[in-house]
Amino acid sequence: MIEEFLESFNIFPHWMIHGIIDSISTIPFLFLVFLIIELFEHHWAGKIRSFLKYSKKEGPFIGAISASIPQCGFSVVASSLYCEGFITKGTIIAVFLATSDEAIPVLLMYPEYISYILPLILIKLIVAIPVGYLIDCFIKNKQSEIKIEQIEKNEEEHIEGCCSHNITRHKKRDYLIHPLKHTVNIFIFILLVTLILNYLIDVVDITNVFNSANNHFSYILTLFLAPFVTAVLGLIPNCAISVGLVIMFIKGTITFGAMMSGLMSGAGIGLLVLLKNNHNKKDTFLIMASLVLIGYITGLLIQTFFKF
């Protein structure tokens, strides 16, 4: 019906019509997924946050497991805790590496790609947990002795995540308003990325441009350069990046390994909180460099040894 309506205007090109229809079809599924995430966040995010404060040894494990669950603001909460000295460098890096941001909700919109969700989560955990513990073994922990007054002050703090959403406190209306806001935001990202990729594939015929290049050069470009570029792009503190990476993978413009490089280094707006609140800029830069390096190596290994 929507396709016939758009075609009746006789002004929309074929690639645009398909992009609009594909994007609109994701709306009900997105809302359902974000509604479930909102309920989980309300009941469990505060408990996980409190547990991380007191769990020094289990920090990287608990942080990575928690971050692997698609939720709006855990990376934001973890960044705030790190800047206040409540969690270690290994824990914050494990959280960032395990964060999937919007990748899982977007993959759920495409039934033929749902099988990639489990490998995505497992790869992130397999990398994030050992890396977190290794960093804590070799780098002196920033975590200091926690004082009661600091805890009380921190409990009262309001932390905002995406969509100006309060992460630490929930109101009844948030159960519908925040999932709705998040659905609209992600739908816009999906629509824009889909339209751009459809144009490049159908009009510019970018696939044939790459295929007509020298085969050896094209292989080297795909194997070594693509994971590095996506790992750097993953640092951009916006959920649009993870949406873009997943849609590019679905459209066949990047490999699973290249997508994983970007998703490994991507921590959503959690990285923005770290940039803003961490007064030690050298420390922030080292964390960002570590994310890019680990993301790049992970993507490279996946492309070299595994076929997805």
C-alpha atoms as a PDB file:
ATOM      1  CA  MET A   1       0.000   0.000   0.000  1.00  0.00           C
ATOM      2  CA  ILE A   2       2.789   2.431   0.940  1.00  0.00           C
ATOM      3  CA  GLU A   3       4.735   1.479  -2.181  1.00  0.00           C
ATOM      4  CA  GLU A   4       1.708   2.106  -4.415  1.00  0.00           C
ATOM      5  CA  PHE A   5       1.064   5.439  -2.666  1.00  0.00           C
ATOM      6  CA  LEU A   6       4.658   6.632  -3.212  1.00  0.00           C
ATOM      7  CA  GLU A   7       4.742   5.400  -6.799  1.00  0.00           C
ATOM      8  CA  SER A   8       1.506   7.273  -7.550  1.00  0.00           C
ATOM      9  CA  PHE A   9       3.390  10.566  -7.190  1.00  0.00           C
ATOM     10  CA  ASN A  10       5.760   9.440  -9.937  1.00  0.00           C
ATOM     11  CA  ILE A  11       8.558  11.564  -8.443  1.00  0.00           C
ATOM     12  CA  PHE A  12      10.268   9.090  -6.106  1.00  0.00           C
ATOM     13  CA  PRO A  13      12.991   6.906  -7.655  1.00  0.00           C
ATOM     14  CA  HIS A  14      12.899   3.148  -7.100  1.00  0.00           C
ATOM     15  CA  TRP A  15      15.833   3.115  -4.671  1.00  0.00           C
ATOM     16  CA  MET A  16      14.181   5.762  -2.489  1.00  0.00           C
ATOM     17  CA  ILE A  17      10.822   3.978  -2.360  1.00  0.00           C
ATOM     18  CA  HIS A  18      12.425   0.729  -1.233  1.00  0.00           C
ATOM     19  CA  GLY A  19      14.517   2.566   1.365  1.00  0.00           C
ATOM     20  CA  ILE A  20      11.464   4.269   2.855  1.00  0.00           C
ATOM     21  CA  ILE A  21       9.390   1.054   2.928  1.00  0.00           C
ATOM     22  CA  ASP A  22      12.214  -1.010   4.466  1.00  0.00           C
ATOM     23  CA  SER A  23      12.757   1.612   7.161  1.00  0.00           C
ATOM     24  CA  ILE A  24       9.065   2.076   8.030  1.00  0.00           C
ATOM     25  CA  SER A  25       8.644  -1.678   8.461  1.00  0.00           C
ATOM     26  CA  THR A  26      11.117  -1.623  11.365  1.00  0.00           C
ATOM     27  CA  ILE A  27       9.103   0.833  13.517  1.00  0.00           C
ATOM     28  CA  PRO A  28       6.821  -1.607  15.433  1.00  0.00           C
ATOM     29  CA  PHE A  29       9.696  -4.016  16.123  1.00  0.00           C
ATOM     30  CA  LEU A  30      11.964  -1.180  17.286  1.00  0.00           C
ATOM     31  CA  PHE A  31       9.347   0.119  19.692  1.00  0.00           C
ATOM     32  CA  LEU A  32       8.761  -3.356  21.158  1.00  0.00           C
ATOM     33  CA  VAL A  33      12.494  -3.956  21.622  1.00  0.00           C
ATOM     34  CA  PHE A  34      13.076  -0.563  23.265  1.00  0.00           C
ATOM     35  CA  LEU A  35      10.048  -1.065  25.507  1.00  0.00           C
ATOM     36  CA  ILE A  36      11.535  -4.338  26.773  1.00  0.00           C
ATOM     37  CA  ILE A  37      14.917  -2.632  27.239  1.00  0.00           C
ATOM     38  CA  GLU A  38      13.250   0.154  29.235  1.00  0.00           C
ATOM     39  CA  LEU A  39      11.667  -2.380  31.600  1.00  0.00           C
ATOM     40  CA  PHE A  40      14.985  -4.167  32.076  1.00  0.00           C
ATOM     41  CA  GLU A  41      16.795  -0.885  32.673  1.00  0.00           C
ATOM     42  CA  HIS A  42      14.270   0.158  35.300  1.00  0.00           C
ATOM     43  CA  HIS A  43      14.505  -3.053  37.303  1.00  0.00           C
ATOM     44  CA  TRP A  44      18.194  -3.972  36.921  1.00  0.00           C
ATOM     45  CA  ALA A  45      20.375  -1.008  35.894  1.00  0.00           C
ATOM     46  CA  GLY A  46      20.430   0.491  39.401  1.00  0.00           C
ATOM     47  CA  LYS A  47      21.362  -2.851  40.990  1.00  0.00           C
ATOM     48  CA  ILE A  48      24.176  -3.428  38.491  1.00  0.00           C
ATOM     49  CA  ARG A  49      25.430   0.114  39.055  1.00  0.00           C
ATOM     50  CA  SER A  50      25.512  -0.341  42.833  1.00  0.00           C
ATOM     51  CA  PHE A  51      27.186  -3.742  42.561  1.00  0.00           C
ATOM     52  CA  LEU A  52      29.947  -2.358  40.349  1.00  0.00           C
ATOM     53  CA  LYS A  53      30.841   0.208  43.018  1.00  0.00           C
ATOM     54  CA  TYR A  54      31.734  -2.473  45.521  1.00  0.00           C
ATOM     55  CA  SER A  55      33.086  -5.142  43.138  1.00  0.00           C
ATOM     56  CA  LYS A  56      36.712  -4.510  42.388  1.00  0.00           C
ATOM     57  CA  LYS A  57      37.772  -8.018  41.367  1.00  0.00           C
ATOM     58  CA  GLU A  58      34.583  -8.893  39.491  1.00  0.00           C
ATOM     59  CA  GLY A  59      34.356  -5.480  37.772  1.00  0.00           C
ATOM     60  CA  PRO A  60      35.468  -6.446  34.222  1.00  0.00           C
ATOM     61  CA  PHE A  61      33.286  -9.580  34.232  1.00  0.00           C
ATOM     62  CA  ILE A  62      30.141  -7.929  35.629  1.00  0.00           C
ATOM     63  CA  GLY A  63      30.686  -4.825  33.500  1.00  0.00           C
ATOM     64  CA  ALA A  64      31.111  -6.772  30.252  1.00  0.00           C
ATOM     65  CA  ILE A  65      28.124  -9.053  30.910  1.00  0.00           C
ATOM     66  CA  SER A  66      25.920  -6.067  31.764  1.00  0.00           C
ATOM     67  CA  ALA A  67      27.068  -4.001  28.777  1.00  0.00           C
ATOM     68  CA  SER A  68      26.380  -6.873  26.353  1.00  0.00           C
ATOM     69  CA  ILE A  69      22.670  -6.497  27.069  1.00  0.00           C
ATOM     70  CA  PRO A  70      21.290  -3.808  24.732  1.00  0.00           C
ATOM     71  CA  GLN A  71      20.333  -0.968  27.028  1.00  0.00           C
ATOM     72  CA  CYS A  72      20.369   2.768  26.653  1.00  0.00           C
ATOM     73  CA  GLY A  73      22.778   4.114  29.183  1.00  0.00           C
ATOM     74  CA  PHE A  74      24.984   1.560  30.900  1.00  0.00           C
ATOM     75  CA  SER A  75      28.126   2.856  29.188  1.00  0.00           C
ATOM     76  CA  VAL A  76      27.139   6.332  30.406  1.00  0.00           C
ATOM     77  CA  VAL A  77      26.759   5.096  33.983  1.00  0.00           C
ATOM     78  CA  ALA A  78      30.074   3.211  33.772  1.00  0.00           C
ATOM     79  CA  SER A  79      31.868   6.321  32.457  1.00  0.00           C
ATOM     80  CA  SER A  80      30.513   8.373  35.357  1.00  0.00           C
ATOM     81  CA  LEU A  81      31.606   5.734  37.875  1.00  0.00           C
ATOM     82  CA  TYR A  82      35.086   5.599  36.333  1.00  0.00           C
ATOM     83  CA  CYS A  83      35.521   9.374  36.441  1.00  0.00           C
ATOM     84  CA  GLU A  84      34.532   9.319  40.112  1.00  0.00           C
ATOM     85  CA  GLY A  85      37.050   6.545  40.872  1.00  0.00           C
ATOM     86  CA  PHE A  86      34.537   3.801  41.663  1.00  0.00           C
ATOM     87  CA  ILE A  87      35.608   1.338  38.948  1.00  0.00           C
ATOM     88  CA  THR A  88      38.946   0.418  37.374  1.00  0.00           C
ATOM     89  CA  LYS A  89      40.385   1.130  33.944  1.00  0.00           C
ATOM     90  CA  GLY A  90      40.000  -2.541  33.054  1.00  0.00           C
ATOM     91  CA  THR A  91      36.323  -2.414  33.936  1.00  0.00           C
ATOM     92  CA  ILE A  92      35.552   0.690  31.876  1.00  0.00           C
ATOM     93  CA  ILE A  93      37.380  -0.725  28.840  1.00  0.00           C
ATOM     94  CA  ALA A  94      35.578  -4.068  29.249  1.00  0.00           C
ATOM     95  CA  VAL A  95      32.258  -2.205  29.370  1.00  0.00           C
ATOM     96  CA  PHE A  96      33.075  -0.173  26.252  1.00  0.00           C
ATOM     97  CA  LEU A  97      34.236  -3.246  24.306  1.00  0.00           C
ATOM     98  CA  ALA A  98      31.135  -5.253  25.249  1.00  0.00           C
ATOM     99  CA  THR A  99      28.678  -2.432  24.520  1.00  0.00           C
ATOM    100  CA  SER A 100      26.624  -3.210  21.429  1.00  0.00           C
ATOM    101  CA  ASP A 101      24.722   0.096  21.455  1.00  0.00           C
ATOM    102  CA  GLU A 102      21.950  -0.223  18.812  1.00  0.00           C
ATOM    103  CA  ALA A 103      23.466  -3.124  16.856  1.00  0.00           C
ATOM    104  CA  ILE A 104      21.320  -5.871  18.390  1.00  0.00           C
ATOM    105  CA  PRO A 105      17.955  -4.043  18.091  1.00  0.00           C
ATOM    106  CA  VAL A 106      18.707  -3.254  14.432  1.00  0.00           C
ATOM    107  CA  LEU A 107      19.747  -6.854  13.635  1.00  0.00           C
ATOM    108  CA  LEU A 108      16.488  -8.038  15.206  1.00  0.00           C
ATOM    109  CA  MET A 109      14.629  -6.121  12.496  1.00  0.00           C
ATOM    110  CA  TYR A 110      16.055  -8.425   9.810  1.00  0.00           C
ATOM    111  CA  PRO A 111      15.121 -12.101  10.464  1.00  0.00           C
ATOM    112  CA  GLU A 112      17.766 -13.480   8.097  1.00  0.00           C
ATOM    113  CA  TYR A 113      20.498 -11.754  10.156  1.00  0.00           C
ATOM    114  CA  ILE A 114      19.310 -12.689  13.650  1.00  0.00           C
ATOM    115  CA  SER A 115      21.793 -15.594  13.634  1.00  0.00           C
ATOM    116  CA  TYR A 116      24.625 -13.046  13.797  1.00  0.00           C
ATOM    117  CA  ILE A 117      23.511 -11.716  17.193  1.00  0.00           C
ATOM    118  CA  LEU A 118      24.912 -14.592  19.278  1.00  0.00           C
ATOM    119  CA  PRO A 119      28.371 -14.543  17.583  1.00  0.00           C
ATOM    120  CA  LEU A 120      28.414 -10.751  17.994  1.00  0.00           C
ATOM    121  CA  ILE A 121      27.753 -10.984  21.743  1.00  0.00           C
ATOM    122  CA  LEU A 122      30.129 -13.910  22.300  1.00  0.00           C
ATOM    123  CA  ILE A 123      33.006 -12.275  20.418  1.00  0.00           C
ATOM    124  CA  LYS A 124      32.587  -9.093  22.439  1.00  0.00           C
ATOM    125  CA  LEU A 125      32.578 -10.994  25.733  1.00  0.00           C
ATOM    126  CA  ILE A 126      35.478 -13.262  24.764  1.00  0.00           C
ATOM    127  CA  VAL A 127      37.554 -10.163  24.007  1.00  0.00           C
ATOM    128  CA  ALA A 128      36.261  -7.734  26.651  1.00  0.00           C
ATOM    129  CA  ILE A 129      36.563  -9.857  29.805  1.00  0.00           C
ATOM    130  CA  PRO A 130      40.191 -11.063  29.412  1.00  0.00           C
ATOM    131  CA  VAL A 131      41.317  -7.635  28.168  1.00  0.00           C
ATOM    132  CA  GLY A 132      39.704  -5.977  31.196  1.00  0.00           C
ATOM    133  CA  TYR A 133      41.501  -8.278  33.628  1.00  0.00           C
ATOM    134  CA  LEU A 134      44.827  -7.970  31.786  1.00  0.00           C
ATOM    135  CA  ILE A 135      44.647  -4.179  31.956  1.00  0.00           C
ATOM    136  CA  ASP A 136      43.934  -4.298  35.690  1.00  0.00           C
ATOM    137  CA  CYS A 137      46.881  -6.669  36.174  1.00  0.00           C
ATOM    138  CA  PHE A 138      49.414  -4.413  34.463  1.00  0.00           C
ATOM    139  CA  ILE A 139      48.026  -0.927  35.085  1.00  0.00           C
ATOM    140  CA  LYS A 140      47.578   0.578  38.525  1.00  0.00           C
ATOM    141  CA  ASN A 141      43.921   0.934  39.380  1.00  0.00           C
ATOM    142  CA  LYS A 142      42.411   4.358  39.514  1.00  0.00           C
ATOM    143  CA  GLN A 143      39.821   3.140  41.992  1.00  0.00           C
ATOM    144  CA  SER A 144      40.278   4.706  45.395  1.00  0.00           C
ATOM    145  CA  GLU A 145      38.803   3.986  48.780  1.00  0.00           C
ATOM    146  CA  ILE A 146      35.092   4.688  48.664  1.00  0.00           C
ATOM    147  CA  LYS A 147      33.726   7.042  51.293  1.00  0.00           C
ATOM    148  CA  ILE A 148      30.163   6.912  52.514  1.00  0.00           C
ATOM    149  CA  GLU A 149      29.492  10.536  51.699  1.00  0.00           C
ATOM    150  CA  GLN A 150      30.709  10.007  48.126  1.00  0.00           C
ATOM    151  CA  ILE A 151      28.273   7.128  47.687  1.00  0.00           C
ATOM    152  CA  GLU A 152      25.381   9.129  49.038  1.00  0.00           C
ATOM    153  CA  LYS A 153      26.223  12.042  46.766  1.00  0.00           C
ATOM    154  CA  ASN A 154      26.527   9.725  43.783  1.00  0.00           C
ATOM    155  CA  GLU A 155      23.189   8.056  44.486  1.00  0.00           C
ATOM    156  CA  GLU A 156      21.480  11.434  44.258  1.00  0.00           C
ATOM    157  CA  GLU A 157      23.139  12.367  40.998  1.00  0.00           C
ATOM    158  CA  HIS A 158      20.994  12.455  37.877  1.00  0.00           C
ATOM    159  CA  ILE A 159      22.741  11.010  34.835  1.00  0.00           C
ATOM    160  CA  GLU A 160      21.308  11.719  31.420  1.00  0.00           C
ATOM    161  CA  GLY A 161      21.639   9.289  28.556  1.00  0.00           C
ATOM    162  CA  CYS A 162      20.363   9.462  25.020  1.00  0.00           C
ATOM    163  CA  CYS A 163      17.140  11.375  24.234  1.00  0.00           C
ATOM    164  CA  SER A 164      17.781  13.434  27.428  1.00  0.00           C
ATOM    165  CA  HIS A 165      16.688  10.308  29.295  1.00  0.00           C
ATOM    166  CA  ASN A 166      17.387  10.110  33.019  1.00  0.00           C
ATOM    167  CA  ILE A 167      19.174   6.821  33.617  1.00  0.00           C
ATOM    168  CA  THR A 168      19.313   6.764  37.409  1.00  0.00           C
ATOM    169  CA  ARG A 169      15.663   7.634  38.034  1.00  0.00           C
ATOM    170  CA  HIS A 170      12.540   6.563  36.198  1.00  0.00           C
ATOM    171  CA  LYS A 171       9.020   7.918  36.065  1.00  0.00           C
ATOM    172  CA  LYS A 172       5.972   5.956  34.964  1.00  0.00           C
ATOM    173  CA  ARG A 173       5.679   7.960  31.762  1.00  0.00           C
ATOM    174  CA  ASP A 174       9.249   6.951  30.810  1.00  0.00           C
ATOM    175  CA  TYR A 175       8.008   3.437  30.093  1.00  0.00           C
ATOM    176  CA  LEU A 176       6.344   4.762  26.924  1.00  0.00           C
ATOM    177  CA  ILE A 177       7.924   8.146  26.214  1.00  0.00           C
ATOM    178  CA  HIS A 178      11.556   7.044  26.161  1.00  0.00           C
ATOM    179  CA  PRO A 179      10.996   3.924  23.972  1.00  0.00           C
ATOM    180  CA  LEU A 180       8.959   6.119  21.621  1.00  0.00           C
ATOM    181  CA  LYS A 181      11.689   8.793  21.439  1.00  0.00           C
ATOM    182  CA  HIS A 182      14.343   6.138  20.929  1.00  0.00           C
ATOM    183  CA  THR A 183      12.289   4.445  18.206  1.00  0.00           C
ATOM    184  CA  VAL A 184      11.914   7.741  16.315  1.00  0.00           C
ATOM    185  CA  ASN A 185      15.640   8.540  16.617  1.00  0.00           C
ATOM    186  CA  ILE A 186      16.809   5.120  15.442  1.00  0.00           C
ATOM    187  CA  PHE A 187      14.206   5.051  12.656  1.00  0.00           C
ATOM    188  CA  ILE A 188      15.622   8.333  11.327  1.00  0.00           C
ATOM    189  CA  PHE A 189      19.157   6.926  11.439  1.00  0.00           C
ATOM    190  CA  ILE A 190      18.062   3.726   9.668  1.00  0.00           C
ATOM    191  CA  LEU A 191      16.171   5.703   7.017  1.00  0.00           C
ATOM    192  CA  LEU A 192      19.104   8.040   6.254  1.00  0.00           C
ATOM    193  CA  VAL A 193      21.700   5.259   6.124  1.00  0.00           C
ATOM    194  CA  THR A 194      19.426   3.021   4.017  1.00  0.00           C
ATOM    195  CA  LEU A 195      18.704   5.810   1.511  1.00  0.00           C
ATOM    196  CA  ILE A 196      22.410   6.673   1.173  1.00  0.00           C
ATOM    197  CA  LEU A 197      23.420   3.034   0.689  1.00  0.00           C
ATOM    198  CA  ASN A 198      20.571   2.340  -1.744  1.00  0.00           C
ATOM    199  CA  TYR A 199      21.666   5.349  -3.799  1.00  0.00           C
ATOM    200  CA  LEU A 200      25.305   4.228  -3.814  1.00  0.00           C
ATOM    201  CA  ILE A 201      24.405   0.644  -4.744  1.00  0.00           C
ATOM    202  CA  ASP A 202      21.618   1.288  -7.298  1.00  0.00           C
ATOM    203  CA  VAL A 203      22.659   4.606  -8.859  1.00  0.00           C
ATOM    204  CA  VAL A 204      26.422   4.906  -8.379  1.00  0.00           C
ATOM    205  CA  ASP A 205      26.775   1.095  -8.607  1.00  0.00           C
ATOM    206  CA  ILE A 206      29.526   1.166  -6.018  1.00  0.00           C
ATOM    207  CA  THR A 207      29.690  -2.644  -5.875  1.00  0.00           C
ATOM    208  CA  ASN A 208      30.869  -2.858  -9.496  1.00  0.00           C
ATOM    209  CA  VAL A 209      33.333  -0.030  -8.892  1.00  0.00           C
ATOM    210  CA  PHE A 210      35.054  -2.131  -6.225  1.00  0.00           C
ATOM    211  CA  ASN A 211      34.816  -5.320  -8.280  1.00  0.00           C
ATOM    212  CA  SER A 212      36.452  -3.666 -11.283  1.00  0.00           C
ATOM    213  CA  ALA A 213      39.489  -2.711  -9.197  1.00  0.00           C
ATOM    214  CA  ASN A 214      42.604  -4.841  -9.135  1.00  0.00           C
ATOM    215  CA  ASN A 215      41.659  -8.039  -7.274  1.00  0.00           C
ATOM    216  CA  HIS A 216      44.801  -8.126  -5.138  1.00  0.00           C
ATOM    217  CA  PHE A 217      44.517  -4.465  -4.183  1.00  0.00           C
ATOM    218  CA  SER A 218      40.813  -4.884  -3.449  1.00  0.00           C
ATOM    219  CA  TYR A 219      41.580  -7.834  -1.162  1.00  0.00           C
ATOM    220  CA  ILE A 220      44.272  -5.909   0.717  1.00  0.00           C
ATOM    221  CA  LEU A 221      41.938  -2.919   1.028  1.00  0.00           C
ATOM    222  CA  THR A 222      39.103  -5.035   2.420  1.00  0.00           C
ATOM    223  CA  LEU A 223      41.276  -7.097   4.746  1.00  0.00           C
ATOM    224  CA  PHE A 224      43.505  -4.438   6.310  1.00  0.00           C
ATOM    225  CA  LEU A 225      42.047  -0.975   5.748  1.00  0.00           C
ATOM    226  CA  ALA A 226      38.301  -1.475   6.237  1.00  0.00           C
ATOM    227  CA  PRO A 227      38.548  -2.754   9.863  1.00  0.00           C
ATOM    228  CA  PHE A 228      40.802   0.168  10.781  1.00  0.00           C
ATOM    229  CA  VAL A 229      38.445   2.746   9.240  1.00  0.00           C
ATOM    230  CA  THR A 230      35.402   1.266  10.997  1.00  0.00           C
ATOM    231  CA  ALA A 231      37.312   1.011  14.302  1.00  0.00           C
ATOM    232  CA  VAL A 232      38.070   4.740  14.113  1.00  0.00           C
ATOM    233  CA  LEU A 233      34.483   5.548  13.109  1.00  0.00           C
ATOM    234  CA  GLY A 234      33.275   3.555  16.113  1.00  0.00           C
ATOM    235  CA  LEU A 235      34.756   6.215  18.411  1.00  0.00           C
ATOM    236  CA  ILE A 236      32.173   8.754  17.259  1.00  0.00           C
ATOM    237  CA  PRO A 237      29.918   9.066  20.333  1.00  0.00           C
ATOM    238  CA  ASN A 238      26.577   8.605  18.627  1.00  0.00           C
ATOM    239  CA  CYS A 239      24.321   5.566  18.261  1.00  0.00           C
ATOM    240  CA  ALA A 240      23.941   6.437  14.565  1.00  0.00           C
ATOM    241  CA  ILE A 241      27.384   4.904  13.991  1.00  0.00           C
ATOM    242  CA  SER A 242      26.391   1.422  15.196  1.00  0.00           C
ATOM    243  CA  VAL A 243      23.176   1.671  13.171  1.00  0.00           C
ATOM    244  CA  GLY A 244      25.181   2.656  10.094  1.00  0.00           C
ATOM    245  CA  LEU A 245      27.682  -0.182  10.561  1.00  0.00           C
ATOM    246  CA  VAL A 246      24.933  -2.808  10.842  1.00  0.00           C
ATOM    247  CA  ILE A 247      23.021  -1.497   7.819  1.00  0.00           C
ATOM    248  CA  MET A 248      26.256  -1.401   5.784  1.00  0.00           C
ATOM    249  CA  PHE A 249      26.905  -5.030   6.741  1.00  0.00           C
ATOM    250  CA  ILE A 250      23.354  -6.029   5.812  1.00  0.00           C
ATOM    251  CA  LYS A 251      23.689  -4.240   2.451  1.00  0.00           C
ATOM    252  CA  GLY A 252      26.967  -6.069   1.834  1.00  0.00           C
ATOM    253  CA  THR A 253      29.202  -2.988   1.701  1.00  0.00           C
ATOM    254  CA  ILE A 254      31.379  -4.130   4.637  1.00  0.00           C
ATOM    255  CA  THR A 255      32.250  -7.549   6.061  1.00  0.00           C
ATOM    256  CA  PHE A 256      31.237  -8.949   9.437  1.00  0.00           C
ATOM    257  CA  GLY A 257      34.817  -8.445  10.629  1.00  0.00           C
ATOM    258  CA  ALA A 258      34.809  -4.769   9.626  1.00  0.00           C
ATOM    259  CA  MET A 259      31.452  -4.284  11.337  1.00  0.00           C
ATOM    260  CA  MET A 260      32.799  -5.893  14.510  1.00  0.00           C
ATOM    261  CA  SER A 261      35.839  -3.579  14.497  1.00  0.00           C
ATOM    262  CA  GLY A 262      33.536  -0.571  14.652  1.00  0.00           C
ATOM    263  CA  LEU A 263      31.210  -2.138  17.223  1.00  0.00           C
ATOM    264  CA  MET A 264      34.143  -3.102  19.465  1.00  0.00           C
ATOM    265  CA  SER A 265      35.501   0.451  19.616  1.00  0.00           C
ATOM    266  CA  GLY A 266      32.054   2.043  19.785  1.00  0.00           C
ATOM    267  CA  ALA A 267      30.774   2.904  23.245  1.00  0.00           C
ATOM    268  CA  GLY A 268      27.951   5.219  22.258  1.00  0.00           C
ATOM    269  CA  ILE A 269      27.521   8.357  24.325  1.00  0.00           C
ATOM    270  CA  GLY A 270      29.439   6.719  27.178  1.00  0.00           C
ATOM    271  CA  LEU A 271      32.615   7.884  25.457  1.00  0.00           C
ATOM    272  CA  LEU A 272      31.230  11.415  25.266  1.00  0.00           C
ATOM    273  CA  VAL A 273      30.695  11.391  29.049  1.00  0.00           C
ATOM    274  CA  LEU A 274      34.277  10.202  29.514  1.00  0.00           C
ATOM    275  CA  LEU A 275      35.618  12.979  27.264  1.00  0.00           C
ATOM    276  CA  LYS A 276      33.613  15.540  29.190  1.00  0.00           C
ATOM    277  CA  ASN A 277      34.154  14.408  32.785  1.00  0.00           C
ATOM    278  CA  ASN A 278      37.595  12.799  32.844  1.00  0.00           C
ATOM    279  CA  HIS A 279      40.036  15.584  33.689  1.00  0.00           C
ATOM    280  CA  ASN A 280      42.992  13.397  32.723  1.00  0.00           C
ATOM    281  CA  LYS A 281      42.893  13.851  28.936  1.00  0.00           C
ATOM    282  CA  LYS A 282      45.921  11.601  28.427  1.00  0.00           C
ATOM    283  CA  ASP A 283      44.068   8.814  30.212  1.00  0.00           C
ATOM    284  CA  THR A 284      41.017   9.337  27.974  1.00  0.00           C
ATOM    285  CA  PHE A 285      43.204   9.272  24.858  1.00  0.00           C
ATOM    286  CA  LEU A 286      44.838   6.002  25.962  1.00  0.00           C
ATOM    287  CA  ILE A 287      41.417   4.422  26.492  1.00  0.00           C
ATOM    288  CA  MET A 288      40.288   5.566  23.034  1.00  0.00           C
ATOM    289  CA  ALA A 289      43.521   4.317  21.425  1.00  0.00           C
ATOM    290  CA  SER A 290      43.089   0.958  23.182  1.00  0.00           C
ATOM    291  CA  LEU A 291      39.546   0.635  21.847  1.00  0.00           C
ATOM    292  CA  VAL A 292      40.682   1.313  18.267  1.00  0.00           C
ATOM    293  CA  LEU A 293      43.622  -1.104  18.522  1.00  0.00           C
ATOM    294  CA  ILE A 294      41.571  -3.913  20.076  1.00  0.00           C
ATOM    295  CA  GLY A 295      38.697  -3.317  17.650  1.00  0.00           C
ATOM    296  CA  TYR A 296      41.042  -3.365  14.654  1.00  0.00           C
ATOM    297  CA  ILE A 297      42.833  -6.560  15.761  1.00  0.00           C
ATOM    298  CA  THR A 298      39.505  -8.280  16.475  1.00  0.00           C
ATOM    299  CA  GLY A 299      38.088  -7.402  13.049  1.00  0.00           C
ATOM    300  CA  LEU A 300      41.312  -8.436  11.336  1.00  0.00           C
ATOM    301  CA  LEU A 301      41.356 -11.830  13.063  1.00  0.00           C
ATOM    302  CA  ILE A 302      37.691 -12.456  12.227  1.00  0.00           C
ATOM    303  CA  GLN A 303      38.257 -11.659   8.542  1.00  0.00           C
ATOM    304  CA  THR A 304      41.406 -13.784   8.396  1.00  0.00           C
ATOM    305  CA  PHE A 305      40.352 -16.933  10.220  1.00  0.00           C
ATOM    306  CA  PHE A 306      36.557 -17.039  10.246  1.00  0.00           C
ATOM    307  CA  LYS A 307      33.830 -17.015   7.626  1.00  0.00           C
ATOM    308  CA  PHE A 308      30.545 -15.367   8.517  1.00  0.00           C
END
